[in-house]
Amino acid sequence: MKRLVRSGLAAALCLAASTTAFPLNEWCLAGVCLGRSEQDLVGRYGAGRLFPGSNPRGHCYQARGKSVYVTALLDDEDPARPITAVLLSGETVCADSGTARVGPDRAGCRGIRLFDPVEKLGTVGAEKRQPRDKGYPWDGSPSEVSQFDYRCEPEKTCSVMASAFTRGGTIIAVSIWEPDC
């Protein structure tokens, strides 16, 4: 009986340790989750920096004490302004980003991480966009940066998408975003 109780307790502790602060069906990057409201974002991380100035549709943050930047883009047509894309970059995306203590998760979907070698994108079937087609979710990325896209759940015809931005053989930014489908 003691063995059964210990086994059950160990299983419960393992399950508790393996769960995160976010439900398993949520897609998150650096603790910022798709579909959550702007109000939730600001409540967790502060206002950051709104951009663009005339019609703000996103918040920019710099991870406290790090050269890592998080950008959350919002659906400006929905009154709740849910998060539709998250970009994690090793380069400044917005000037004067607000500092925040962002989550430790630095991998996009399917294990692609900031600063991985570009060859890792072949393992997820990422497709390179033509330079004229690159942009969302990092509009205005430098011309020497390439963008690769892939599905987070490749078995689904419409699922959360991911992009990796590369320069010189290294992934310098990763993102997750909701497609229009």
Protein backbone atom coordinates (compact mmCIF):
# COMPACT_ATOMS: atom_id res chain seq x y z
CA MET A 1 0.00 0.00 0.00
CA LYS A 2 2.82 2.42 0.88
CA ARG A 3 4.43 1.71 -2.51
CA LEU A 4 1.15 2.49 -4.30
CA VAL A 5 0.74 5.77 -2.38
CA ARG A 6 4.36 6.75 -3.11
CA SER A 7 3.93 5.93 -6.80
CA GLY A 8 0.74 7.96 -6.97
CA LEU A 9 2.37 10.87 -5.16
CA ALA A 10 5.43 10.73 -7.45
CA ALA A 11 3.18 10.71 -10.52
CA ALA A 12 1.22 13.69 -9.20
CA LEU A 13 4.43 15.61 -8.48
CA CYS A 14 5.80 14.86 -11.97
CA LEU A 15 2.55 16.03 -13.56
CA ALA A 16 2.56 19.24 -11.50
CA ALA A 17 6.19 19.92 -12.39
CA SER A 18 5.57 19.38 -16.09
CA THR A 19 2.67 21.82 -16.37
CA THR A 20 3.29 25.47 -17.16
CA ALA A 21 1.50 28.68 -16.23
CA PHE A 22 -0.27 28.47 -19.62
CA PRO A 23 -2.66 25.77 -20.87
CA LEU A 24 -1.02 23.25 -23.19
CA ASN A 25 -3.13 24.35 -26.15
CA GLU A 26 -1.82 27.92 -26.02
CA TRP A 27 1.03 29.05 -28.26
CA CYS A 28 3.45 31.24 -26.31
CA LEU A 29 6.86 32.78 -26.88
CA ALA A 30 8.78 34.49 -24.05
CA GLY A 31 5.62 34.18 -21.94
CA VAL A 32 3.48 36.16 -24.42
CA CYS A 33 0.61 34.02 -25.73
CA LEU A 34 -1.44 34.22 -28.90
CA GLY A 35 -5.10 35.01 -28.32
CA ARG A 36 -4.61 36.67 -24.95
CA SER A 37 -5.95 40.20 -24.63
CA GLU A 38 -3.98 43.42 -24.69
CA GLN A 39 -5.22 44.00 -21.14
CA ASP A 40 -3.63 40.71 -20.02
CA LEU A 41 -0.36 41.62 -21.77
CA VAL A 42 -0.15 45.05 -20.13
CA GLY A 43 -1.14 43.58 -16.76
CA ARG A 44 1.74 41.08 -16.93
CA TYR A 45 4.51 43.16 -18.53
CA GLY A 46 3.49 46.81 -18.41
CA ALA A 47 2.73 49.06 -21.36
CA GLY A 48 6.13 48.66 -22.99
CA ARG A 49 6.29 50.92 -26.02
CA LEU A 50 3.24 51.26 -28.24
CA PHE A 51 3.84 51.41 -31.98
CA PRO A 52 3.28 52.81 -34.48
CA GLY A 53 2.51 56.14 -32.84
CA SER A 54 -0.51 57.21 -34.92
CA ASN A 55 -2.44 53.92 -34.66
CA PRO A 56 -0.83 51.63 -32.06
CA ARG A 57 -1.25 47.96 -32.90
CA GLY A 58 1.56 46.47 -30.85
CA HIS A 59 3.74 46.60 -27.75
CA CYS A 60 7.55 46.28 -27.66
CA TYR A 61 9.61 45.10 -24.71
CA GLN A 62 13.28 44.52 -23.96
CA ALA A 63 13.99 41.60 -21.65
CA ARG A 64 15.38 43.14 -18.47
CA GLY A 65 19.19 42.99 -18.53
CA LYS A 66 19.34 41.20 -21.88
CA SER A 67 19.72 42.03 -25.56
CA VAL A 68 16.49 40.22 -26.38
CA TYR A 69 13.38 42.01 -27.61
CA VAL A 70 9.76 40.88 -27.60
CA THR A 71 7.09 42.40 -29.82
CA ALA A 72 3.38 41.57 -29.44
CA LEU A 73 1.11 42.50 -32.36
CA LEU A 74 -2.61 43.00 -31.79
CA ASP A 75 -5.81 42.60 -33.77
CA ASP A 76 -6.83 46.25 -33.99
CA GLU A 77 -10.24 45.36 -35.47
CA ASP A 78 -11.33 43.37 -32.39
CA PRO A 79 -12.34 45.48 -29.34
CA ALA A 80 -10.51 43.04 -27.00
CA ARG A 81 -7.33 43.55 -29.12
CA PRO A 82 -6.09 39.95 -28.80
CA ILE A 83 -2.46 39.13 -29.53
CA THR A 84 -2.12 37.77 -33.08
CA ALA A 85 1.68 37.53 -33.35
CA VAL A 86 4.73 37.40 -31.08
CA LEU A 87 8.24 38.17 -32.31
CA LEU A 88 11.37 37.43 -30.28
CA SER A 89 14.51 39.05 -31.64
CA GLY A 90 18.15 39.49 -30.82
CA GLU A 91 17.94 42.89 -32.51
CA THR A 92 15.93 46.01 -31.80
CA VAL A 93 12.63 45.92 -33.67
CA CYS A 94 11.16 49.06 -32.07
CA ALA A 95 13.08 52.07 -30.85
CA ASP A 96 12.89 52.72 -27.10
CA SER A 97 11.37 49.37 -26.09
CA GLY A 98 10.04 49.24 -22.53
CA THR A 99 11.87 46.88 -20.18
CA ALA A 100 10.05 43.86 -18.78
CA ARG A 101 10.71 40.58 -17.05
CA VAL A 102 9.54 38.32 -19.87
CA GLY A 103 9.16 34.55 -19.74
CA PRO A 104 12.17 32.26 -20.18
CA ASP A 105 10.78 30.32 -23.16
CA ARG A 106 12.94 31.34 -26.12
CA ALA A 107 11.89 28.66 -28.61
CA GLY A 108 9.29 29.13 -31.30
CA CYS A 109 7.14 26.17 -32.19
CA ARG A 110 8.80 22.86 -33.05
CA GLY A 111 11.95 23.78 -31.13
CA ILE A 112 13.39 26.49 -33.37
CA ARG A 113 15.30 28.87 -31.09
CA LEU A 114 16.82 32.30 -31.29
CA PHE A 115 20.49 32.00 -32.44
CA ASP A 116 20.12 28.46 -33.83
CA PRO A 117 21.98 27.77 -37.10
CA VAL A 118 19.86 28.28 -40.23
CA GLU A 119 20.29 24.59 -41.13
CA LYS A 120 17.91 23.67 -38.30
CA LEU A 121 15.05 25.16 -40.36
CA GLY A 122 15.35 22.21 -42.76
CA THR A 123 14.19 19.89 -39.97
CA VAL A 124 10.77 21.61 -39.85
CA GLY A 125 10.25 22.07 -43.59
CA ALA A 126 10.54 25.86 -43.44
CA GLU A 127 10.12 27.66 -46.75
CA LYS A 128 12.08 30.78 -47.60
CA ARG A 129 10.01 33.78 -48.66
CA GLN A 130 11.06 35.81 -51.66
CA PRO A 131 12.55 39.17 -50.60
CA ARG A 132 9.57 41.04 -52.09
CA ASP A 133 7.17 38.90 -49.97
CA LYS A 134 8.88 39.09 -46.59
CA GLY A 135 7.41 41.17 -43.81
CA TYR A 136 4.75 40.14 -41.30
CA PRO A 137 5.30 39.75 -38.44
CA TRP A 138 8.56 41.75 -38.75
CA ASP A 139 7.65 44.49 -41.20
CA GLY A 140 10.69 46.55 -42.06
CA SER A 141 13.28 43.86 -41.34
CA PRO A 142 16.66 44.77 -42.87
CA SER A 143 17.15 43.84 -46.53
CA GLU A 144 19.94 41.35 -45.75
CA VAL A 145 17.60 39.38 -43.45
CA SER A 146 15.82 36.34 -44.92
CA GLN A 147 12.45 35.08 -43.70
CA PHE A 148 11.43 31.41 -43.48
CA ASP A 149 7.88 30.25 -42.65
CA TYR A 150 6.58 26.90 -41.36
CA ARG A 151 3.48 25.44 -39.69
CA CYS A 152 3.48 24.76 -35.97
CA GLU A 153 1.17 21.79 -36.55
CA PRO A 154 2.03 20.55 -40.05
CA GLU A 155 -0.71 17.91 -40.03
CA LYS A 156 -3.37 20.65 -39.94
CA THR A 157 -4.31 22.70 -43.01
CA CYS A 158 -4.80 25.84 -40.95
CA SER A 159 -2.71 26.15 -37.82
CA VAL A 160 -0.52 28.64 -36.05
CA MET A 161 2.40 29.68 -38.26
CA ALA A 162 5.97 30.42 -37.32
CA SER A 163 8.65 32.51 -38.97
CA ALA A 164 12.38 32.56 -38.47
CA PHE A 165 14.48 35.50 -39.64
CA THR A 166 18.09 34.78 -40.55
CA ARG A 167 21.29 36.63 -41.29
CA GLY A 168 24.72 35.16 -41.95
CA GLY A 169 23.66 31.57 -41.24
CA THR A 170 22.08 32.36 -37.84
CA ILE A 171 18.46 32.74 -36.73
CA ILE A 172 18.23 36.28 -35.35
CA ALA A 173 14.47 36.31 -34.66
CA VAL A 174 11.66 33.78 -34.21
CA SER A 175 7.92 34.37 -34.21
CA ILE A 176 4.55 32.69 -33.91
CA TRP A 177 1.44 34.12 -35.56
CA GLU A 178 -2.17 33.39 -36.44
CA PRO A 179 -2.84 33.09 -40.18
CA ASP A 180 -6.02 34.29 -41.90
CA CYS A 181 -7.84 31.04 -42.59
